[in-house]
Amino acid sequence: MLANYKMWNTVPQISRALLDQFKFKGGPITFKDALKLSTMNGKQLKNSILQWAIQGKLVPQDPNDEPASVLLDKIRQEKERLIKEKKIKRDKNASIIYRGEDNSYYEKILATGEVKCIDEEIPFEIPQGWEWCRLRDLCTVFGRIGFRGYTRNDIVEKGFGAITLSPSNMQDNGNMNYSVVSYISWKKYEESPEIKVKANDVLIVKTGSSYGKTCIISDLPEKATINPQIAVLKYSFVNNQWLTYFLNAPFAQEQFRKYVIGTSIPTFSQEKLSSTLLPLPPKNEQEHLIKKLSLLGKCIGSYNVIQQLIDRLDVDIYDKLKKSILQEAIQGKLVPQTAEEGTAKELLEQIKAEKQKLVKEGKLKKSALNDSVIFHGDDNRYYEKIGEDTVCIDDEIPFDIPANWVWIRLDDICSFIHRGKSPKYSLIKKYPVVAQKCNQWSGFSIEKAKFIEPQSISSYKEEYILQDEDLMWNSTGLGTLGRMAIYNKKLNPYELAVADSHVTVIRPYKQYVVSEYLYYYFASNTVQSVIEDKSDGSTKQKELSTKTVKSYLVPLPPMEEQMRIVEKVEELTQLLK
């Protein structure tokens, strides 16, 4: 069952409607292509499709289309007209990219006549009729000039100025969101007419963590400009929708990453942005690509919703299967019982003998010998005998266990159960303190620990120093209450570690009780589903008292069976991953 589930989950189903949209030059999408697509999430699929689009692999080429070289000639002529009208400035870096007789790519700077080979920049071949060019060849990049920036004093209320757009207004889907906007004074707005935005302008983030994000202006509700984090692309001579698709494609985004300087506030210059290399399709093909990408975008949206549902189902199924495995384990149903391994009653006698030895050595208080005895009565009910008193505890027993197991109080199989101490913290990284955040269901993490004042370690008795295989149980706070981890000395690079007052340390007699078995029991639904009911305090601050922890009922198998259970649980959970 697990193998079938894993195979099904590895290759999630893709919508037939989505696959039907792929018509490559060689015909419909192949099974190999479909298999590759099926392993992608929505974002990966979108990026792959955009990359195919800019490589000319998404729609077939029409030999009757006017080639991109003609389009570039027309663009240069139109730019000359705008320069004469003083609407744009002549770009000193304007260039022509061409293929030489040696089959290498060259770039010629028009202003100087300088020619250089750019083979190392060209990442892939493009179809016949396409041309390589720079972003500056297709449009003009504008940004807010430093001395025309603005301060808080320039921020005004709605009605007293224009919208100033920020990266937060730009959505990942390439559209704009105007639900929350800021305004700058009309004076600042009019100060920089070149960055007044209008419908169909393209915006790109050049400063901040979302650098490279690109959107096209649509449904602009009011007059607007941009803040210093954004550049606007104007006087475009290509379809801006196509330009937006290109700038969001992996090839363009990779170039932006190379442009970035700074780590705390990543940024790239408008000059670098203008030098972005791009493959230009014929004008008619741009239109075909836009239609295809728009249609695929809707399909991808549906696919992404389905993928998210599958991912949630994956997590849900994993969680349910793991809980089922743990429940089977702690009820004695996961591995068979073996007579040769003895009984848990015999194991308890060994623990009792160990306790008597420790009492004689003065390492254990005499009260530790006052164990309870839990047994099945003739009436098929469970009873507990402590000294001379016997009480029925049938309502405490959550399930029946195999005949060679016993129910036992946690305190009777542990040498130490106690909360940690409230520490005096220090910046000196010598003695770490295990707190709630160190104990995750994914495991123990010392990296999240703080440190105590080194001199205060002398106030800790020896038993409070964490030992290998100690259980650490989060005992306060909603959200973390009941979460448990096993202390692993190998994961602590420091000399020792202690626990804080929010963590209960549970130290079983490790030669008789396997810590991992206890961990799986306390991680099971039997314990976790009622953990808050077992705790004390208000709804805002629940707490597992040490008394409650000590009195927890535990189903105890023989030692060897404990080890087999742990091995089997680990084997099965590994298969689920």
Protein backbone atom coordinates (compact mmCIF):
# COMPACT_ATOMS: atom_id res chain seq x y z
CA MET A 1 0.00 0.00 0.00
CA LEU A 2 2.77 2.43 0.98
CA ALA A 3 4.69 1.75 -2.22
CA ASN A 4 1.60 2.40 -4.36
CA TYR A 5 0.85 5.60 -2.47
CA LYS A 6 4.43 6.79 -2.85
CA MET A 7 4.46 6.15 -6.62
CA TRP A 8 1.13 7.94 -7.07
CA ASN A 9 2.31 10.91 -5.08
CA THR A 10 5.64 11.17 -6.90
CA VAL A 11 3.97 11.90 -10.21
CA PRO A 12 0.89 14.03 -9.49
CA GLN A 13 -1.78 14.24 -12.17
CA ILE A 14 -1.74 17.13 -14.66
CA SER A 15 -4.92 18.51 -16.08
CA ARG A 16 -5.68 17.13 -19.55
CA ALA A 17 -6.74 20.64 -20.54
CA LEU A 18 -3.26 21.89 -19.69
CA LEU A 19 -1.47 19.18 -21.68
CA ASP A 20 -3.71 19.82 -24.69
CA GLN A 21 -2.37 23.37 -24.92
CA PHE A 22 1.19 22.27 -25.66
CA LYS A 23 1.94 22.15 -29.36
CA PHE A 24 5.67 22.20 -29.93
CA LYS A 25 7.38 22.46 -33.29
CA GLY A 26 7.70 18.69 -33.35
CA GLY A 27 4.03 18.17 -32.60
CA PRO A 28 2.02 17.62 -29.41
CA ILE A 29 3.74 17.18 -26.06
CA THR A 30 5.53 13.85 -25.65
CA PHE A 31 5.10 11.41 -22.78
CA LYS A 32 8.62 12.31 -21.61
CA ASP A 33 7.68 15.99 -21.55
CA ALA A 34 4.42 15.20 -19.72
CA LEU A 35 6.29 13.18 -17.11
CA LYS A 36 8.67 16.08 -16.56
CA LEU A 37 5.79 18.51 -16.26
CA SER A 38 3.93 16.27 -13.83
CA THR A 39 6.68 16.52 -11.24
CA MET A 40 6.55 20.34 -11.13
CA ASN A 41 4.67 22.61 -8.79
CA GLY A 42 2.75 25.59 -10.17
CA LYS A 43 5.67 28.02 -10.00
CA GLN A 44 8.11 25.59 -11.62
CA LEU A 45 5.62 24.82 -14.36
CA LYS A 46 5.05 28.52 -15.05
CA ASN A 47 8.81 29.17 -15.22
CA SER A 48 9.34 26.25 -17.59
CA ILE A 49 6.60 27.45 -19.91
CA LEU A 50 8.00 31.00 -19.93
CA GLN A 51 11.44 29.63 -20.73
CA TRP A 52 10.06 27.55 -23.62
CA ALA A 53 8.25 30.65 -24.86
CA ILE A 54 11.37 32.85 -25.03
CA GLN A 55 13.30 30.05 -26.74
CA GLY A 56 10.71 29.77 -29.49
CA LYS A 57 9.53 26.32 -28.42
CA LEU A 58 5.97 27.09 -27.39
CA VAL A 59 4.32 27.98 -30.69
CA PRO A 60 5.35 27.08 -34.26
CA GLN A 61 7.08 29.72 -36.38
CA ASP A 62 5.38 31.10 -39.50
CA PRO A 63 7.92 31.70 -42.33
CA ASN A 64 5.57 34.40 -43.68
CA ASP A 65 5.97 36.54 -40.53
CA GLU A 66 8.00 39.71 -40.90
CA PRO A 67 11.35 38.84 -39.25
CA ALA A 68 12.47 40.51 -36.04
CA SER A 69 15.40 42.16 -37.91
CA VAL A 70 12.89 44.29 -39.84
CA LEU A 71 11.13 45.16 -36.59
CA LEU A 72 14.43 46.31 -35.06
CA ASP A 73 15.14 48.55 -38.09
CA LYS A 74 11.71 50.15 -37.68
CA ILE A 75 12.35 50.64 -33.95
CA ARG A 76 15.65 52.43 -34.64
CA GLN A 77 13.92 54.77 -37.09
CA GLU A 78 11.17 55.53 -34.58
CA LYS A 79 13.73 56.16 -31.83
CA GLU A 80 15.50 58.69 -34.06
CA ARG A 81 12.22 60.56 -34.43
CA LEU A 82 11.70 60.63 -30.63
CA ILE A 83 15.27 61.83 -30.10
CA LYS A 84 14.69 64.71 -32.55
CA GLU A 85 11.49 65.58 -30.68
CA LYS A 86 13.54 65.48 -27.42
CA LYS A 87 11.20 62.93 -25.86
CA ILE A 88 14.08 60.54 -25.22
CA LYS A 89 17.85 60.89 -25.11
CA ARG A 90 20.24 59.11 -27.42
CA ASP A 91 21.64 56.02 -25.72
CA LYS A 92 25.41 56.02 -26.01
CA ASN A 93 25.39 52.23 -25.54
CA ALA A 94 22.88 51.46 -28.29
CA SER A 95 24.07 48.46 -30.26
CA ILE A 96 23.39 45.87 -32.94
CA ILE A 97 23.85 42.16 -32.24
CA TYR A 98 24.56 39.95 -35.21
CA ARG A 99 26.01 36.59 -36.20
CA GLY A 100 29.36 36.66 -37.97
CA GLU A 101 30.61 34.47 -40.79
CA ASP A 102 32.43 32.38 -38.18
CA ASN A 103 29.02 31.55 -36.60
CA SER A 104 29.88 33.56 -33.47
CA TYR A 105 27.73 36.34 -32.05
CA TYR A 106 29.01 39.93 -32.09
CA GLU A 107 27.79 43.22 -30.67
CA LYS A 108 28.56 46.55 -32.35
CA ILE A 109 28.23 49.78 -30.31
CA LEU A 110 26.68 52.25 -32.78
CA ALA A 111 28.18 55.39 -31.20
CA THR A 112 31.81 54.20 -31.32
CA GLY A 113 31.83 51.38 -33.87
CA GLU A 114 33.40 49.09 -31.27
CA VAL A 115 32.76 45.38 -31.94
CA LYS A 116 33.12 42.55 -29.44
CA CYS A 117 32.29 38.84 -29.40
CA ILE A 118 29.47 37.97 -26.97
CA ASP A 119 29.30 34.20 -27.48
CA GLU A 120 29.63 33.66 -23.72
CA GLU A 121 26.40 35.65 -23.15
CA ILE A 122 24.28 33.68 -25.63
CA PRO A 123 22.75 30.75 -23.69
CA PHE A 124 20.67 29.06 -26.39
CA GLU A 125 19.83 29.04 -30.07
CA ILE A 126 16.79 30.94 -31.28
CA PRO A 127 14.54 30.21 -34.29
CA GLN A 128 15.11 31.71 -37.69
CA GLY A 129 13.41 35.07 -37.89
CA TRP A 130 14.25 35.93 -34.26
CA GLU A 131 17.02 38.33 -33.19
CA TRP A 132 19.11 38.90 -30.08
CA CYS A 133 19.02 42.46 -28.71
CA ARG A 134 19.26 44.51 -25.49
CA LEU A 135 16.33 45.84 -23.49
CA ARG A 136 17.49 49.41 -24.32
CA ASP A 137 16.90 48.61 -28.01
CA LEU A 138 13.19 48.11 -27.36
CA CYS A 139 12.29 50.72 -24.73
CA THR A 140 13.64 53.38 -22.37
CA VAL A 141 14.18 52.73 -18.68
CA PHE A 142 13.27 55.52 -16.26
CA GLY A 143 13.64 55.73 -12.49
CA ARG A 144 13.38 58.28 -9.74
CA ILE A 145 16.59 60.33 -9.83
CA GLY A 146 18.33 60.72 -6.49
CA PHE A 147 17.81 64.45 -6.00
CA ARG A 148 14.16 64.02 -6.95
CA GLY A 149 13.55 61.45 -4.27
CA TYR A 150 11.13 62.20 -1.49
CA THR A 151 10.93 62.15 2.30
CA ARG A 152 8.11 61.54 4.77
CA ASN A 153 7.24 65.22 4.52
CA ASP A 154 6.22 64.64 0.90
CA ILE A 155 3.69 61.95 1.87
CA VAL A 156 0.13 63.33 1.82
CA GLU A 157 -3.43 62.17 2.26
CA LYS A 158 -5.58 60.97 -0.61
CA GLY A 159 -6.86 63.88 -2.67
CA PHE A 160 -3.76 65.99 -2.09
CA GLY A 161 -1.40 64.20 -4.42
CA ALA A 162 -0.72 61.25 -6.71
CA ILE A 163 -0.30 57.57 -5.92
CA THR A 164 3.33 56.53 -5.46
CA LEU A 165 3.59 52.86 -6.38
CA SER A 166 5.83 50.48 -4.42
CA PRO A 167 6.83 46.80 -4.77
CA SER A 168 3.96 45.87 -2.42
CA ASN A 169 1.50 46.97 -5.14
CA MET A 170 3.02 44.49 -7.61
CA GLN A 171 1.66 40.95 -7.49
CA ASP A 172 3.46 37.75 -8.40
CA ASN A 173 0.94 37.07 -11.17
CA GLY A 174 2.10 40.17 -13.07
CA ASN A 175 -0.91 42.31 -12.15
CA MET A 176 -1.22 45.37 -9.93
CA ASN A 177 -2.97 45.70 -6.58
CA TYR A 178 -4.14 49.18 -5.58
CA SER A 179 -5.96 48.24 -2.35
CA VAL A 180 -3.27 49.87 -0.17
CA VAL A 181 -1.42 52.86 -1.64
CA SER A 182 0.54 55.91 -0.50
CA TYR A 183 0.36 59.43 -1.95
CA ILE A 184 3.00 62.09 -2.63
CA SER A 185 2.37 65.77 -3.14
CA TRP A 186 1.43 67.14 -6.53
CA LYS A 187 4.67 69.14 -6.46
CA LYS A 188 6.78 65.96 -6.25
CA TYR A 189 4.60 64.27 -8.83
CA GLU A 190 5.07 67.07 -11.36
CA GLU A 191 8.79 67.32 -10.58
CA SER A 192 9.52 64.05 -12.44
CA PRO A 193 7.24 63.87 -15.50
CA GLU A 194 9.32 61.06 -17.06
CA ILE A 195 8.17 58.60 -14.37
CA LYS A 196 4.47 59.42 -14.44
CA VAL A 197 2.93 56.05 -15.10
CA LYS A 198 0.06 55.23 -17.39
CA ALA A 199 -1.82 52.17 -18.57
CA ASN A 200 0.35 49.54 -20.29
CA ASP A 201 3.60 50.81 -18.75
CA VAL A 202 5.86 48.04 -17.41
CA LEU A 203 7.20 48.27 -13.86
CA ILE A 204 10.17 46.35 -12.47
CA VAL A 205 11.58 46.27 -8.93
CA LYS A 206 15.28 47.19 -8.88
CA THR A 207 15.83 47.57 -5.12
CA GLY A 208 14.85 45.29 -2.23
CA SER A 209 14.21 41.60 -1.63
CA SER A 210 11.66 41.36 -4.48
CA TYR A 211 14.06 42.71 -7.10
CA GLY A 212 13.22 41.54 -10.62
CA LYS A 213 9.47 41.37 -9.97
CA THR A 214 7.73 42.72 -13.05
CA CYS A 215 4.15 43.92 -13.62
CA ILE A 216 2.20 45.71 -16.31
CA ILE A 217 0.03 48.70 -15.41
CA SER A 218 -3.68 48.11 -15.88
CA ASP A 219 -6.86 49.65 -14.46
CA LEU A 220 -4.94 52.59 -12.99
CA PRO A 221 -7.47 54.25 -10.63
CA GLU A 222 -5.70 57.64 -10.28
CA LYS A 223 -2.68 59.57 -11.43
CA ALA A 224 0.43 57.74 -10.25
CA THR A 225 4.20 57.71 -10.14
CA ILE A 226 6.81 55.31 -8.71
CA ASN A 227 8.94 55.21 -5.57
CA PRO A 228 12.76 54.88 -5.74
CA GLN A 229 12.63 51.06 -5.60
CA ILE A 230 10.99 50.76 -9.02
CA ALA A 231 11.92 51.47 -12.62
CA VAL A 232 9.35 52.09 -15.36
CA LEU A 233 9.77 51.00 -18.98
CA LYS A 234 8.37 53.55 -21.46
CA TYR A 235 8.41 54.22 -25.19
CA SER A 236 8.23 50.49 -25.83
CA PHE A 237 8.18 49.37 -29.45
CA VAL A 238 7.09 45.80 -28.71
CA ASN A 239 4.01 44.32 -27.11
CA ASN A 240 4.40 45.14 -23.43
CA GLN A 241 2.54 42.02 -22.40
CA TRP A 242 5.19 39.98 -24.22
CA LEU A 243 7.91 42.11 -22.58
CA THR A 244 6.41 41.40 -19.13
CA TYR A 245 6.37 37.67 -19.84
CA PHE A 246 10.01 37.81 -20.91
CA LEU A 247 11.17 39.79 -17.86
CA ASN A 248 9.52 37.23 -15.57
CA ALA A 249 11.15 34.29 -17.36
CA PRO A 250 14.06 32.44 -15.67
CA PHE A 251 16.59 33.68 -18.28
CA ALA A 252 15.86 37.35 -17.48
CA GLN A 253 15.66 36.76 -13.73
CA GLU A 254 19.06 35.04 -13.80
CA GLN A 255 20.56 38.14 -15.44
CA PHE A 256 19.06 40.34 -12.71
CA ARG A 257 20.68 38.17 -10.04
CA LYS A 258 24.05 38.77 -11.71
CA TYR A 259 23.44 42.52 -11.74
CA VAL A 260 22.67 42.76 -8.01
CA ILE A 261 25.02 44.48 -5.60
CA GLY A 262 24.58 44.65 -1.83
CA THR A 263 23.33 41.95 0.54
CA SER A 264 21.22 43.71 3.14
CA ILE A 265 19.42 45.75 0.46
CA PRO A 266 20.00 44.09 -2.93
CA THR A 267 19.80 46.47 -5.89
CA PHE A 268 20.80 46.84 -9.52
CA SER A 269 21.21 49.96 -11.65
CA GLN A 270 19.00 51.17 -14.47
CA GLU A 271 22.02 50.93 -16.75
CA LYS A 272 22.40 47.23 -15.94
CA LEU A 273 18.69 46.71 -16.45
CA SER A 274 18.91 48.41 -19.87
CA SER A 275 21.66 45.98 -20.87
CA THR A 276 19.49 42.90 -20.29
CA LEU A 277 19.91 40.49 -23.19
CA LEU A 278 16.75 39.13 -24.78
CA PRO A 279 15.62 37.07 -27.78
CA LEU A 280 13.14 39.03 -29.90
CA PRO A 281 10.46 37.15 -31.88
CA PRO A 282 8.67 38.64 -34.91
CA LYS A 283 5.77 40.92 -34.04
CA ASN A 284 3.11 38.43 -35.18
CA GLU A 285 4.68 35.64 -33.14
CA GLN A 286 4.65 37.90 -30.07
CA GLU A 287 0.87 38.06 -30.44
CA HIS A 288 0.59 34.26 -30.80
CA LEU A 289 2.78 33.74 -27.73
CA ILE A 290 0.71 36.17 -25.65
CA LYS A 291 -2.51 34.28 -26.50
CA LYS A 292 -0.90 30.92 -25.74
CA LEU A 293 0.67 32.13 -22.47
CA SER A 294 -2.59 33.75 -21.38
CA LEU A 295 -4.50 30.52 -21.97
CA LEU A 296 -1.81 28.45 -20.26
CA GLY A 297 -1.76 30.89 -17.37
CA LYS A 298 -5.40 30.09 -16.61
CA CYS A 299 -4.67 26.36 -16.83
CA ILE A 300 -1.61 26.76 -14.59
CA GLY A 301 -3.76 28.60 -12.04
CA SER A 302 -6.13 25.63 -11.91
CA TYR A 303 -3.21 23.22 -11.84
CA ASN A 304 -1.61 25.14 -8.97
CA VAL A 305 -4.82 24.93 -6.93
CA ILE A 306 -4.95 21.17 -7.56
CA GLN A 307 -1.26 20.84 -6.72
CA GLN A 308 -1.76 22.67 -3.43
CA LEU A 309 -4.65 20.37 -2.60
CA ILE A 310 -2.45 17.36 -3.40
CA ASP A 311 0.33 18.75 -1.22
CA ARG A 312 -2.08 19.25 1.67
CA LEU A 313 -3.47 15.78 1.10
CA ASP A 314 0.09 14.45 1.06
CA VAL A 315 0.82 16.00 4.44
CA ASP A 316 -2.54 14.88 5.80
CA ILE A 317 -2.09 11.30 4.61
CA TYR A 318 1.48 11.20 5.94
CA ASP A 319 0.28 12.49 9.30
CA LYS A 320 -2.60 10.02 9.48
CA LEU A 321 -0.46 7.07 8.38
CA LYS A 322 2.25 7.94 10.90
CA LYS A 323 -0.33 8.26 13.68
CA SER A 324 -1.77 4.88 12.69
CA ILE A 325 1.69 3.32 12.76
CA LEU A 326 2.39 4.74 16.23
CA GLN A 327 -0.99 3.62 17.50
CA GLU A 328 -0.43 0.09 16.22
CA ALA A 329 3.03 0.13 17.80
CA ILE A 330 1.96 1.13 21.31
CA GLN A 331 -0.93 -1.36 21.31
CA GLY A 332 1.36 -4.29 20.50
CA LYS A 333 -0.01 -4.75 16.98
CA LEU A 334 2.98 -3.65 14.90
CA VAL A 335 5.37 -6.49 15.65
CA PRO A 336 4.60 -10.03 16.90
CA GLN A 337 5.17 -11.03 20.48
CA THR A 338 7.86 -13.67 21.12
CA ALA A 339 7.86 -15.93 24.17
CA GLU A 340 11.68 -16.15 24.15
CA GLU A 341 11.91 -12.42 24.93
CA GLY A 342 10.26 -12.89 28.32
CA THR A 343 7.61 -10.64 29.82
CA ALA A 344 7.33 -7.05 30.99
CA LYS A 345 6.69 -8.35 34.53
CA GLU A 346 10.13 -9.94 34.50
CA LEU A 347 11.51 -6.65 33.20
CA LEU A 348 9.92 -4.79 36.12
CA GLU A 349 11.59 -7.17 38.56
CA GLN A 350 14.95 -6.29 37.01
CA ILE A 351 14.16 -2.56 37.33
CA LYS A 352 13.14 -3.09 40.96
CA ALA A 353 16.44 -4.88 41.69
CA GLU A 354 18.32 -1.96 40.08
CA LYS A 355 16.42 0.49 42.26
CA GLN A 356 17.26 -1.46 45.44
CA LYS A 357 20.93 -1.38 44.44
CA LEU A 358 20.84 2.40 43.89
CA VAL A 359 19.07 2.94 47.24
CA LYS A 360 21.81 1.00 49.02
CA GLU A 361 24.43 3.13 47.24
CA GLY A 362 22.62 6.29 48.36
CA LYS A 363 21.96 7.35 44.77
CA LEU A 364 18.20 6.94 45.09
CA LYS A 365 15.70 7.75 47.82
CA LYS A 366 13.98 4.82 49.56
CA SER A 367 10.59 6.19 48.45
CA ALA A 368 11.50 5.12 44.90
CA LEU A 369 10.76 1.55 45.93
CA ASN A 370 7.09 2.34 46.53
CA ASP A 371 5.99 1.18 43.09
CA SER A 372 2.40 0.57 42.20
CA VAL A 373 1.20 -2.71 40.69
CA ILE A 374 -1.37 -2.55 37.90
CA PHE A 375 -3.20 -5.76 37.07
CA HIS A 376 -6.20 -7.27 35.32
CA GLY A 377 -8.81 -8.48 37.84
CA ASP A 378 -11.01 -11.54 37.53
CA ASP A 379 -13.82 -9.23 36.46
CA ASN A 380 -11.71 -8.19 33.45
CA ARG A 381 -11.19 -4.72 34.87
CA TYR A 382 -7.91 -2.97 35.61
CA TYR A 383 -6.81 -2.31 39.19
CA GLU A 384 -3.89 -0.54 40.80
CA LYS A 385 -2.38 -1.61 44.15
CA ILE A 386 -0.24 0.83 46.13
CA GLY A 387 0.79 -0.56 49.52
CA GLU A 388 -2.34 -1.98 51.10
CA ASP A 389 -4.76 0.02 48.96
CA THR A 390 -6.29 -1.27 45.73
CA VAL A 391 -8.43 0.91 43.43
CA CYS A 392 -10.11 0.32 40.10
CA ILE A 393 -8.47 2.40 37.31
CA ASP A 394 -10.41 0.93 34.41
CA ASP A 395 -11.47 4.42 33.25
CA GLU A 396 -7.77 5.42 32.90
CA ILE A 397 -6.83 2.54 30.61
CA PRO A 398 -7.17 3.65 26.96
CA PHE A 399 -6.78 0.22 25.33
CA ASP A 400 -5.93 -3.43 25.97
CA ILE A 401 -2.35 -4.67 25.58
CA PRO A 402 -0.75 -8.07 24.87
CA ALA A 403 -0.58 -10.58 27.74
CA ASN A 404 3.20 -10.20 28.13
CA TRP A 405 2.98 -6.39 28.46
CA VAL A 406 2.12 -4.38 31.57
CA TRP A 407 0.67 -0.99 32.33
CA ILE A 408 3.01 1.03 34.53
CA ARG A 409 3.32 4.57 35.90
CA LEU A 410 6.10 6.52 34.17
CA ASP A 411 7.78 7.33 37.49
CA ASP A 412 8.25 3.63 38.25
CA ILE A 413 10.53 3.10 35.22
CA CYS A 414 12.51 6.35 35.49
CA SER A 415 15.42 7.39 37.69
CA PHE A 416 14.76 11.12 37.21
CA ILE A 417 11.71 13.19 36.25
CA HIS A 418 11.96 16.89 36.95
CA ARG A 419 11.54 20.34 35.47
CA GLY A 420 14.63 22.29 34.60
CA LYS A 421 15.57 25.46 36.47
CA SER A 422 14.94 29.12 35.62
CA PRO A 423 18.32 30.17 34.23
CA LYS A 424 20.31 33.36 34.46
CA TYR A 425 21.17 33.96 30.84
CA SER A 426 24.53 35.07 29.51
CA LEU A 427 26.07 36.05 26.17
CA ILE A 428 28.98 33.73 26.93
CA LYS A 429 28.40 30.64 24.79
CA LYS A 430 29.59 27.89 27.10
CA TYR A 431 26.63 26.09 28.70
CA PRO A 432 23.47 25.93 26.54
CA VAL A 433 19.97 25.85 28.01
CA VAL A 434 17.43 23.62 26.27
CA ALA A 435 14.16 25.53 25.94
CA GLN A 436 10.84 24.73 24.26
CA LYS A 437 12.00 25.86 20.82
CA CYS A 438 14.89 23.37 20.96
CA ASN A 439 12.39 20.51 21.08
CA GLN A 440 10.67 20.03 17.74
CA TRP A 441 8.83 17.01 16.39
CA SER A 442 11.49 17.02 13.70
CA GLY A 443 14.13 16.47 16.38
CA PHE A 444 16.39 18.15 18.93
CA SER A 445 18.18 21.36 17.88
CA ILE A 446 20.88 22.93 20.07
CA GLU A 447 21.20 25.85 17.61
CA LYS A 448 18.06 27.41 19.08
CA ALA A 449 19.40 27.37 22.66
CA LYS A 450 20.44 30.33 24.79
CA PHE A 451 23.23 30.12 27.40
CA ILE A 452 23.41 30.35 31.18
CA GLU A 453 25.80 32.41 33.24
CA PRO A 454 28.87 30.10 33.43
CA GLN A 455 29.33 30.57 37.16
CA SER A 456 25.74 29.46 37.87
CA ILE A 457 26.45 25.91 36.64
CA SER A 458 27.79 25.12 40.13
CA SER A 459 24.23 25.45 41.50
CA TYR A 460 23.04 22.54 39.33
CA LYS A 461 23.07 19.09 40.91
CA GLU A 462 24.55 16.33 38.78
CA GLU A 463 21.18 14.82 37.88
CA TYR A 464 20.09 18.12 36.30
CA ILE A 465 22.84 17.89 33.69
CA LEU A 466 21.30 16.40 30.55
CA GLN A 467 22.37 12.88 29.65
CA ASP A 468 22.31 11.13 26.30
CA GLU A 469 18.87 9.70 25.41
CA ASP A 470 17.06 11.85 28.01
CA LEU A 471 13.51 12.72 26.98
CA MET A 472 12.71 16.43 27.02
CA TRP A 473 9.00 17.24 27.24
CA ASN A 474 7.68 20.77 26.70
CA SER A 475 5.46 21.33 29.71
CA THR A 476 4.08 24.87 29.36
CA GLY A 477 2.36 27.02 26.78
CA LEU A 478 -0.20 26.40 24.07
CA GLY A 479 1.28 25.38 20.73
CA THR A 480 4.35 23.79 22.29
CA LEU A 481 2.74 21.88 25.18
CA GLY A 482 3.41 18.14 24.82
CA ARG A 483 6.06 18.49 22.15
CA MET A 484 8.96 16.16 22.86
CA ALA A 485 12.50 15.47 21.68
CA ILE A 486 15.34 13.14 22.68
CA TYR A 487 18.58 14.73 23.84
CA ASN A 488 21.46 13.73 21.61
CA LYS A 489 24.86 14.55 23.07
CA LYS A 490 26.47 14.32 19.62
CA LEU A 491 24.34 17.27 18.47
CA ASN A 492 25.69 19.44 21.29
CA PRO A 493 29.17 20.81 20.51
CA TYR A 494 29.43 22.25 24.03
CA GLU A 495 30.62 20.56 27.22
CA LEU A 496 27.15 20.00 28.65
CA ALA A 497 23.59 21.27 28.61
CA VAL A 498 20.74 21.86 31.05
CA ALA A 499 16.99 22.38 30.62
CA ASP A 500 15.00 25.46 31.54
CA SER A 501 11.90 25.53 33.73
CA HIS A 502 9.50 25.01 30.80
CA VAL A 503 10.93 21.60 29.96
CA THR A 504 10.51 18.36 31.94
CA VAL A 505 13.47 16.01 31.75
CA ILE A 506 12.50 12.31 31.74
CA ARG A 507 15.34 9.85 32.35
CA PRO A 508 14.28 6.18 32.15
CA TYR A 509 16.36 3.25 33.33
CA LYS A 510 17.96 3.01 29.90
CA GLN A 511 19.31 -0.52 30.28
CA TYR A 512 15.68 -1.68 30.60
CA VAL A 513 13.60 0.96 28.81
CA VAL A 514 14.28 2.26 25.30
CA SER A 515 13.95 6.06 25.16
CA GLU A 516 12.79 5.97 21.54
CA TYR A 517 9.92 3.64 22.49
CA LEU A 518 8.75 6.07 25.17
CA TYR A 519 9.10 8.92 22.67
CA TYR A 520 6.82 7.15 20.18
CA TYR A 521 4.30 6.49 22.91
CA PHE A 522 4.19 10.14 24.00
CA ALA A 523 4.06 11.24 20.35
CA SER A 524 1.04 9.01 19.71
CA ASN A 525 -2.52 10.24 19.38
CA THR A 526 -3.40 8.46 22.66
CA VAL A 527 -1.27 11.00 24.56
CA GLN A 528 -1.29 14.05 22.31
CA SER A 529 -5.07 14.17 21.80
CA VAL A 530 -5.68 14.65 25.54
CA ILE A 531 -2.53 16.54 26.50
CA GLU A 532 -4.39 19.78 27.17
CA ASP A 533 -7.06 17.98 29.19
CA LYS A 534 -4.31 16.51 31.38
CA SER A 535 -2.72 19.92 31.95
CA ASP A 536 -3.46 22.57 34.54
CA GLY A 537 -3.81 26.35 34.30
CA SER A 538 -5.81 28.78 32.18
CA THR A 539 -6.59 28.52 28.50
CA LYS A 540 -3.77 30.97 27.80
CA GLN A 541 -1.14 29.19 29.91
CA LYS A 542 -1.55 25.44 30.13
CA GLU A 543 0.98 23.49 32.18
CA LEU A 544 1.92 19.85 32.66
CA SER A 545 2.82 19.46 36.31
CA THR A 546 5.66 17.17 37.32
CA LYS A 547 3.16 15.14 39.36
CA THR A 548 1.03 14.60 36.23
CA VAL A 549 4.06 13.57 34.18
CA LYS A 550 5.21 11.09 36.82
CA SER A 551 1.78 9.48 37.05
CA TYR A 552 1.36 8.99 33.29
CA LEU A 553 0.34 5.44 32.40
CA VAL A 554 2.70 3.70 29.97
CA PRO A 555 2.13 0.37 28.12
CA LEU A 556 5.45 -1.44 28.63
CA PRO A 557 6.62 -4.37 26.42
CA PRO A 558 9.69 -6.55 27.08
CA MET A 559 13.01 -4.87 26.31
CA GLU A 560 13.73 -6.70 23.04
CA GLU A 561 10.23 -6.05 21.77
CA GLN A 562 10.69 -2.35 22.53
CA MET A 563 13.73 -2.35 20.26
CA ARG A 564 11.90 -4.22 17.50
CA ILE A 565 9.01 -1.75 17.71
CA VAL A 566 11.39 1.21 17.37
CA GLU A 567 13.12 -0.41 14.41
CA LYS A 568 9.81 -1.12 12.67
CA VAL A 569 8.41 2.38 13.25
CA GLU A 570 11.57 3.93 11.81
CA GLU A 571 11.43 1.59 8.81
CA LEU A 572 7.80 2.43 8.00
CA THR A 573 8.09 6.18 8.54
CA GLN A 574 11.09 6.20 6.22
CA LEU A 575 8.96 4.57 3.52
CA LEU A 576 6.41 7.37 3.87
CA LYS A 577 8.93 10.11 3.07
